[in-house]
Protein backbone atom coordinates (compact mmCIF):
# COMPACT_ATOMS: atom_id res chain seq x y z
CA MET A 1 -107.92 -232.47 34.27
CA MET A 2 -107.61 -236.34 33.90
CA ARG A 3 -107.74 -238.36 36.97
CA ILE A 4 -105.88 -240.95 38.26
CA SER A 5 -106.79 -243.18 41.06
CA LEU A 6 -104.32 -245.37 43.04
CA VAL A 7 -105.52 -248.47 44.81
CA ILE A 8 -103.52 -249.78 47.54
CA PRO A 9 -104.62 -253.07 49.32
CA CYS A 10 -102.74 -253.16 52.89
CA TYR A 11 -102.69 -255.80 55.75
CA ASN A 12 -100.79 -255.13 58.90
CA GLU A 13 -98.65 -252.34 57.00
CA GLU A 14 -98.17 -249.80 59.83
CA LEU A 15 -94.52 -249.72 59.49
CA SER A 16 -94.59 -249.38 55.71
CA LEU A 17 -97.29 -246.79 55.50
CA PRO A 18 -95.37 -243.67 56.44
CA ILE A 19 -92.75 -244.56 54.07
CA LEU A 20 -94.93 -245.37 51.18
CA LEU A 21 -96.96 -242.17 51.51
CA GLU A 22 -94.04 -240.11 51.10
CA SER A 23 -92.75 -241.81 48.17
CA LEU A 24 -96.62 -241.40 46.58
CA GLU A 25 -96.53 -237.81 47.66
CA ALA A 26 -93.43 -237.23 45.57
CA VAL A 27 -95.07 -239.09 42.66
CA ARG A 28 -98.12 -236.88 42.93
CA ALA A 29 -96.14 -233.79 42.82
CA GLU A 30 -94.49 -235.05 39.52
CA LEU A 31 -97.86 -235.63 38.17
CA SER A 32 -99.00 -232.20 38.76
CA ASP A 33 -101.38 -232.00 35.45
CA TYR A 34 -103.12 -235.03 37.05
CA ALA A 35 -105.58 -235.16 40.04
CA VAL A 36 -104.13 -237.70 41.78
CA ASP A 37 -105.92 -239.69 44.52
CA TYR A 38 -105.36 -242.70 46.72
CA ILE A 39 -107.67 -245.36 47.77
CA PHE A 40 -106.36 -247.53 50.72
CA VAL A 41 -108.10 -251.09 51.16
CA ASP A 42 -107.29 -252.40 54.76
CA ASP A 43 -107.98 -255.69 54.53
CA GLY A 44 -108.67 -256.60 58.40
CA SER A 45 -105.38 -255.34 59.67
CA LYS A 46 -104.76 -256.41 63.09
CA ASP A 47 -102.07 -253.66 63.98
CA ALA A 48 -102.34 -249.83 63.70
CA THR A 49 -103.02 -249.57 59.95
CA ARG A 50 -106.55 -248.38 60.39
CA ARG A 51 -105.67 -245.68 62.62
CA ILE A 52 -102.79 -244.36 60.69
CA LEU A 53 -105.26 -244.13 57.77
CA ARG A 54 -107.70 -242.37 59.44
CA GLU A 55 -105.03 -239.73 60.54
CA PHE A 56 -103.55 -239.56 57.22
CA SER A 57 -106.88 -239.20 55.85
CA ALA A 58 -107.86 -236.26 57.87
CA GLN A 59 -104.76 -234.35 56.66
CA MET A 60 -105.07 -235.39 53.17
CA PRO A 61 -108.50 -234.83 51.30
CA HIS A 62 -107.12 -236.88 48.30
CA LEU A 63 -106.54 -239.83 50.42
CA HIS A 64 -109.40 -242.16 51.04
CA TYR A 65 -109.65 -245.38 52.69
CA ILE A 66 -112.08 -248.52 53.25
CA SER A 67 -111.45 -251.02 56.17
CA PHE A 68 -112.95 -254.49 55.94
CA SER A 69 -114.62 -255.97 58.99
CA ARG A 70 -111.84 -258.94 58.62
CA ASN A 71 -109.17 -260.32 56.54
CA PHE A 72 -110.94 -261.30 53.18
CA GLY A 73 -107.93 -261.86 51.33
CA LYS A 74 -105.97 -259.35 48.63
CA GLU A 75 -108.23 -260.31 45.87
CA ALA A 76 -111.06 -258.86 47.64
CA ALA A 77 -109.07 -255.82 48.67
CA ILE A 78 -108.16 -255.27 44.86
CA TYR A 79 -111.72 -255.78 43.99
CA ALA A 80 -113.22 -253.31 46.56
CA GLY A 81 -110.58 -250.57 45.53
CA LEU A 82 -111.22 -250.77 42.10
CA SER A 83 -114.97 -250.51 42.45
CA GLN A 84 -114.30 -247.42 44.54
CA SER A 85 -112.02 -245.68 42.02
CA GLU A 86 -113.40 -243.17 39.67
CA GLY A 87 -110.10 -242.27 38.21
CA ASP A 88 -109.62 -242.16 34.35
CA LEU A 89 -106.58 -244.00 34.92
CA VAL A 90 -106.35 -246.65 37.94
CA ALA A 91 -103.13 -248.14 39.09
CA ILE A 92 -102.84 -250.96 41.89
CA LEU A 93 -99.80 -251.27 44.02
CA ASP A 94 -98.88 -253.14 47.19
CA ALA A 95 -98.13 -251.18 50.24
CA ASP A 96 -94.84 -252.60 51.26
CA MET A 97 -92.94 -250.96 48.55
CA GLN A 98 -92.08 -253.97 46.32
CA ASP A 99 -93.84 -252.29 43.59
CA PRO A 100 -91.79 -248.96 43.20
CA PRO A 101 -94.24 -245.73 43.15
CA SER A 102 -91.39 -244.10 40.87
CA LEU A 103 -92.78 -246.18 37.90
CA ILE A 104 -95.77 -244.61 37.92
CA PRO A 105 -94.97 -241.36 35.74
CA GLU A 106 -93.56 -243.62 33.03
CA MET A 107 -96.69 -245.78 33.31
CA VAL A 108 -98.61 -242.81 32.69
CA ARG A 109 -96.56 -241.59 29.76
CA LEU A 110 -96.49 -244.95 28.08
CA ILE A 111 -100.58 -245.09 28.47
CA ARG A 112 -100.74 -241.36 27.18
CA ASP A 113 -98.19 -241.34 24.21
CA GLU A 114 -98.06 -245.19 23.15
CA GLU A 115 -101.76 -245.82 23.28
CA PHE A 116 -101.58 -248.84 25.39
CA GLU A 117 -104.72 -249.39 27.49
CA ILE A 118 -102.54 -251.18 30.13
CA VAL A 119 -99.09 -250.79 31.43
CA ALA A 120 -98.01 -253.87 33.78
CA THR A 121 -95.03 -254.82 35.42
CA ARG A 122 -93.13 -257.95 36.03
CA ARG A 123 -90.16 -258.77 38.06
CA VAL A 124 -87.17 -260.22 35.99
CA THR A 125 -85.31 -261.68 39.12
CA ARG A 126 -86.42 -263.14 42.36
CA LYS A 127 -83.21 -261.95 44.28
CA GLY A 128 -84.01 -262.09 48.15
CA GLU A 129 -86.65 -264.98 47.99
CA PRO A 130 -86.22 -268.19 49.52
CA PRO A 131 -84.85 -270.62 46.52
CA ILE A 132 -87.53 -272.98 47.10
CA ARG A 133 -90.48 -270.17 46.81
CA SER A 134 -88.88 -269.28 43.63
CA PHE A 135 -88.70 -272.69 42.44
CA PHE A 136 -92.12 -273.33 42.71
CA ALA A 137 -93.29 -270.06 41.64
CA ARG A 138 -91.68 -270.90 38.36
CA GLN A 139 -93.21 -274.19 37.88
CA PHE A 140 -96.51 -272.65 38.57
CA TYR A 141 -96.16 -270.10 35.77
CA LYS A 142 -94.90 -273.05 33.40
CA LEU A 143 -97.85 -275.15 34.53
CA ILE A 144 -100.74 -272.89 34.24
CA ASN A 145 -99.80 -271.77 30.97
CA ARG A 146 -99.44 -275.18 29.56
CA MET A 147 -102.83 -275.95 31.02
CA SER A 148 -104.91 -272.60 30.26
CA ASP A 149 -106.11 -270.87 27.36
CA VAL A 150 -104.53 -267.22 28.45
CA GLU A 151 -100.88 -266.80 29.13
CA ILE A 152 -99.95 -265.31 32.60
CA VAL A 153 -96.47 -263.99 32.29
CA ASP A 154 -93.76 -265.05 34.65
CA GLY A 155 -93.23 -262.82 37.26
CA ALA A 156 -96.18 -260.59 36.80
CA ARG A 157 -97.27 -258.32 39.74
CA ASP A 158 -100.64 -256.82 40.20
CA PHE A 159 -98.92 -253.48 39.93
CA ARG A 160 -100.47 -252.06 36.73
CA LEU A 161 -101.73 -249.07 35.37
CA MET A 162 -105.24 -249.32 33.48
CA LYS A 163 -107.46 -247.22 31.49
CA ARG A 164 -111.01 -246.83 32.74
CA GLU A 165 -112.63 -249.26 30.17
CA VAL A 166 -110.17 -251.87 31.42
CA VAL A 167 -111.10 -251.52 35.05
CA GLU A 168 -115.06 -251.66 34.04
CA ALA A 169 -113.97 -254.58 32.15
CA VAL A 170 -112.24 -256.28 35.38
CA LEU A 171 -115.32 -255.43 37.64
CA SER A 172 -117.81 -256.98 35.12
CA LEU A 173 -116.45 -260.43 36.16
CA SER A 174 -118.30 -261.03 39.11
CA GLU A 175 -117.04 -264.39 40.29
CA ARG A 176 -116.30 -264.80 43.98
CA GLN A 177 -113.26 -267.06 44.09
CA ARG A 178 -110.91 -264.72 42.06
CA PHE A 179 -107.54 -264.89 40.54
CA SER A 180 -106.53 -261.01 39.28
CA LYS A 181 -103.46 -262.38 37.08
CA GLY A 182 -105.44 -264.76 35.37
CA ILE A 183 -108.38 -262.18 34.81
CA PHE A 184 -106.23 -259.35 33.78
CA SER A 185 -104.82 -261.85 30.97
CA TRP A 186 -108.29 -263.12 29.92
CA ILE A 187 -109.75 -259.66 29.36
CA GLY A 188 -107.29 -258.83 26.88
CA PHE A 189 -106.46 -255.16 25.73
CA ARG A 190 -103.14 -253.91 24.25
CA THR A 191 -100.48 -254.20 27.15
CA HIS A 192 -97.10 -252.86 27.85
CA TRP A 193 -94.73 -254.76 30.33
CA LEU A 194 -92.14 -252.83 32.50
CA GLU A 195 -89.72 -254.92 34.01
CA PHE A 196 -87.80 -254.16 37.45
CA GLN A 197 -85.49 -255.93 39.67
CA ASN A 198 -87.05 -257.59 42.90
CA ILE A 199 -87.18 -255.06 45.75
CA GLN A 200 -87.08 -255.92 49.27
CA ARG A 201 -89.94 -255.00 51.49
CA ALA A 202 -89.65 -251.35 53.16
CA ALA A 203 -90.35 -252.60 56.59
CA GLY A 204 -92.25 -255.43 58.00
CA GLU A 205 -92.41 -259.20 56.88
CA THR A 206 -94.73 -260.64 54.18
CA LYS A 207 -97.92 -262.01 54.86
CA TRP A 208 -97.52 -264.68 52.13
CA SER A 209 -96.50 -268.06 53.71
CA PHE A 210 -95.79 -270.96 51.71
CA TRP A 211 -99.27 -272.62 52.22
CA LYS A 212 -101.01 -269.48 51.44
CA LEU A 213 -98.98 -269.47 48.18
CA PHE A 214 -100.05 -273.02 47.33
CA LYS A 215 -103.75 -272.30 47.92
CA TYR A 216 -103.55 -269.39 45.60
CA ALA A 217 -101.89 -271.41 43.01
CA ILE A 218 -104.61 -273.87 43.15
CA GLU A 219 -107.23 -271.43 42.96
CA GLY A 220 -105.30 -269.63 39.65
CA ILE A 221 -105.44 -273.39 38.17
CA VAL A 222 -109.03 -274.02 39.00
CA ALA A 223 -110.12 -270.64 38.07
CA PHE A 224 -108.82 -270.73 34.58
CA THR A 225 -108.55 -274.49 33.18
CA THR A 226 -110.61 -277.60 33.30
CA VAL A 227 -107.45 -279.56 32.20
CA PRO A 228 -107.29 -281.37 35.82
CA LEU A 229 -110.76 -282.63 35.07
CA ARG A 230 -109.95 -284.02 31.80
CA LEU A 231 -106.53 -285.35 32.77
CA ALA A 232 -108.38 -287.31 35.66
CA THR A 233 -110.57 -288.55 32.84
CA ILE A 234 -108.08 -289.73 30.59
CA THR A 235 -106.00 -291.27 33.30
CA GLY A 236 -108.94 -293.53 34.53
CA PHE A 237 -109.62 -294.69 30.72
CA CYS A 238 -105.68 -295.55 30.45
CA VAL A 239 -105.75 -297.34 33.78
CA SER A 240 -108.96 -299.09 33.05
CA GLY A 241 -107.67 -300.23 29.61
CA ALA A 242 -104.43 -301.61 30.93
CA ALA A 243 -106.29 -303.45 33.72
CA PHE A 244 -108.44 -304.85 31.09
CA ILE A 245 -105.50 -306.11 29.26
CA TYR A 246 -103.70 -307.23 32.42
CA MET A 247 -106.88 -309.38 32.97
CA VAL A 248 -107.13 -310.86 29.76
CA TYR A 249 -103.62 -311.81 29.73
CA TYR A 250 -104.23 -313.59 33.01
CA VAL A 251 -107.43 -315.34 31.52
CA ILE A 252 -105.53 -316.78 28.64
CA ARG A 253 -102.56 -317.76 30.68
CA ALA A 254 -104.73 -319.78 33.08
CA ILE A 255 -106.68 -321.34 30.09
CA LEU A 256 -103.88 -322.06 27.91
CA LEU A 257 -100.88 -322.47 30.00
CA ARG A 258 -102.63 -323.84 33.28
CA ILE A 259 -100.75 -321.36 35.28
CA TYR A 260 -102.91 -319.92 38.24
CA ASN A 261 -100.33 -318.90 41.01
CA ALA A 262 -103.12 -316.82 42.83
CA VAL A 263 -101.36 -316.74 46.14
CA PRO A 264 -97.83 -315.97 45.05
CA GLY A 265 -99.19 -312.98 42.93
CA TYR A 266 -100.88 -311.61 46.05
CA PRO A 267 -98.42 -308.67 46.73
CA SER A 268 -98.46 -307.42 42.76
CA LEU A 269 -102.39 -307.43 43.21
CA LEU A 270 -102.21 -305.40 46.37
CA ALA A 271 -99.98 -302.90 44.81
CA ILE A 272 -102.40 -302.40 41.73
CA MET A 273 -105.31 -301.98 44.24
CA LEU A 274 -103.16 -299.44 46.15
CA PHE A 275 -102.51 -297.56 42.82
CA LEU A 276 -105.99 -297.61 41.66
CA GLY A 277 -107.31 -296.54 44.92
CA GLY A 278 -105.11 -293.50 44.97
CA LEU A 279 -106.01 -292.48 41.39
CA ILE A 280 -109.72 -292.62 42.45
CA LEU A 281 -109.09 -290.44 45.47
CA LEU A 282 -106.82 -288.23 43.47
CA ALA A 283 -109.68 -287.78 40.95
CA GLN A 284 -112.52 -287.08 43.54
CA GLY A 285 -110.07 -284.39 45.16
CA ILE A 286 -109.88 -282.68 41.67
CA LEU A 287 -113.69 -283.11 41.27
CA GLY A 288 -114.13 -281.72 44.60
CA GLU A 289 -112.32 -278.49 44.05
CA TYR A 290 -114.31 -277.67 40.96
CA LEU A 291 -117.44 -278.42 42.95
CA ALA A 292 -116.50 -276.55 46.00
CA ARG A 293 -115.97 -273.54 43.79
CA THR A 294 -119.29 -273.89 42.47
CA TYR A 295 -120.77 -274.02 45.94
CA MET A 296 -119.04 -271.01 46.89
CA GLU A 297 -120.44 -269.35 43.86
CA VAL A 298 -124.06 -270.09 44.22
CA LYS A 299 -123.99 -269.16 48.14
CA HIS A 300 -124.12 -265.61 47.11
CA ARG A 301 -122.05 -264.50 50.11
CA PRO A 302 -120.70 -260.71 50.69
CA LEU A 303 -117.21 -260.90 49.06
CA TYR A 304 -116.10 -258.24 51.74
CA ILE A 305 -118.07 -256.47 54.27
CA ILE A 306 -116.77 -252.63 54.88
CA ARG A 307 -116.35 -251.80 58.55
CA GLU A 308 -115.48 -248.20 58.13
CA ASN A 309 -114.18 -245.60 55.16
CA SER A 310 -112.85 -242.24 55.02
CA ASP A 311 -116.29 -240.74 54.38
CA ASP A 312 -117.86 -242.52 57.70
CA HIS A 313 -115.91 -242.88 60.72
CA GLN A 314 -118.73 -243.99 62.75
CA ASN A 315 -118.07 -247.65 62.16
CA HIS A 316 -121.38 -248.59 60.22
CA SER A 317 -121.03 -251.70 58.41
CA HIS A 318 -121.45 -251.74 54.73
CA VAL A 319 -121.93 -254.81 52.54
CA LYS A 320 -120.95 -254.98 49.28
CA ILE A 321 -122.65 -257.48 46.79
CA PRO A 322 -122.18 -258.18 42.99
CA VAL A 323 -125.81 -259.06 41.72
CA ASP A 324 -125.09 -258.74 38.13
CA ALA A 325 -121.99 -257.52 36.60
CA ASP A 326 -122.95 -253.77 37.05
CA LYS A 327 -124.90 -254.19 40.14
CA SER A 328 -124.28 -254.07 44.01
CA ILE A 329 -125.87 -254.10 47.20
CA ASP A 330 -124.95 -251.49 50.11
CA ASN A 331 -126.72 -251.95 53.36
CA ARG A 332 -126.79 -248.17 53.96
CA ASN A 333 -129.23 -247.46 51.04
CA PRO A 334 -132.27 -250.03 51.65
CA SER A 335 -133.56 -248.89 48.18
CA SER A 336 -130.95 -250.48 46.37
CA MET A 337 -131.45 -253.93 48.05
CA VAL A 338 -132.23 -256.62 45.56
CA ASN A 339 -133.09 -260.21 45.85
CA ASN A 340 -129.67 -261.20 45.04
CA ASP A 341 -126.18 -260.62 46.72
CA PRO A 342 -122.43 -259.95 47.57
CA HIS A 343 -118.67 -259.02 46.62
CA ILE A 344 -114.97 -260.34 46.46
CA GLY A 345 -112.26 -262.97 47.20
């Protein structure tokens, strides 16, 4: 019997979990020809999420969970869930019901009958979102698609169903500063897009503030393009050229026309200096973003630490570390220790 694993990252979702599980059980009954299991990843929730998962896990043998020692971020949770999955098909969906589980049977059918490796989803509307957030989201997709070599579909969700070979390809990319939407596009494979209307959260409030979304956008741009570095170089070259031409102009003006006006030109000189200083700081900031990510990569810190899982309720700490693309370290197994390191972001 083919197996389907559903990976569900969650953070402070105590109100949404009962609603989600009811919907998932209906989907599981509809997919009676498949062995369906759930893998919940508690991203260091501060509410009762972990307790609820523990209770449901005791009642449902097909429900598994892992709980992080702190909030490592959704990207870490996605990677952790994928690395724990064993299904022939693996789906990722949010716990807040904004990714409708009712689409999963259709996604399974498309992979089974149409020979796609991935069935992904995208929102065709952003109804219910703050207008300013929708505006910046659209601008982000336009910007990154112009700058990057991979195309990221506007409105794309992490909600998708993948064959096992796709999951292994995603897991083989062991970078710590992860941007899953870009990774899913970069690995390729035949993809079918399912479109749906924006759905409000079943309960609770979004954990994504404007600042968090802004940082996530920066992560995506830095992770999948070096165009900002090239722009800094080109801008520096153009400004230097303009400054040289301006200097030559004033030298010729002073020699041939005997016009000096040094003091009257002071405001324009100050403006130019401030402009150039701003460009220098901008270029340094862009360079700093790339250097910071290199620094984070070479430190080899764990991308996540597992505090508890459904197979072990004794609160032992487990550290997952990507050493190479196909290696990891778990501190429960000393024989697996290598002189390298950890996992996700």
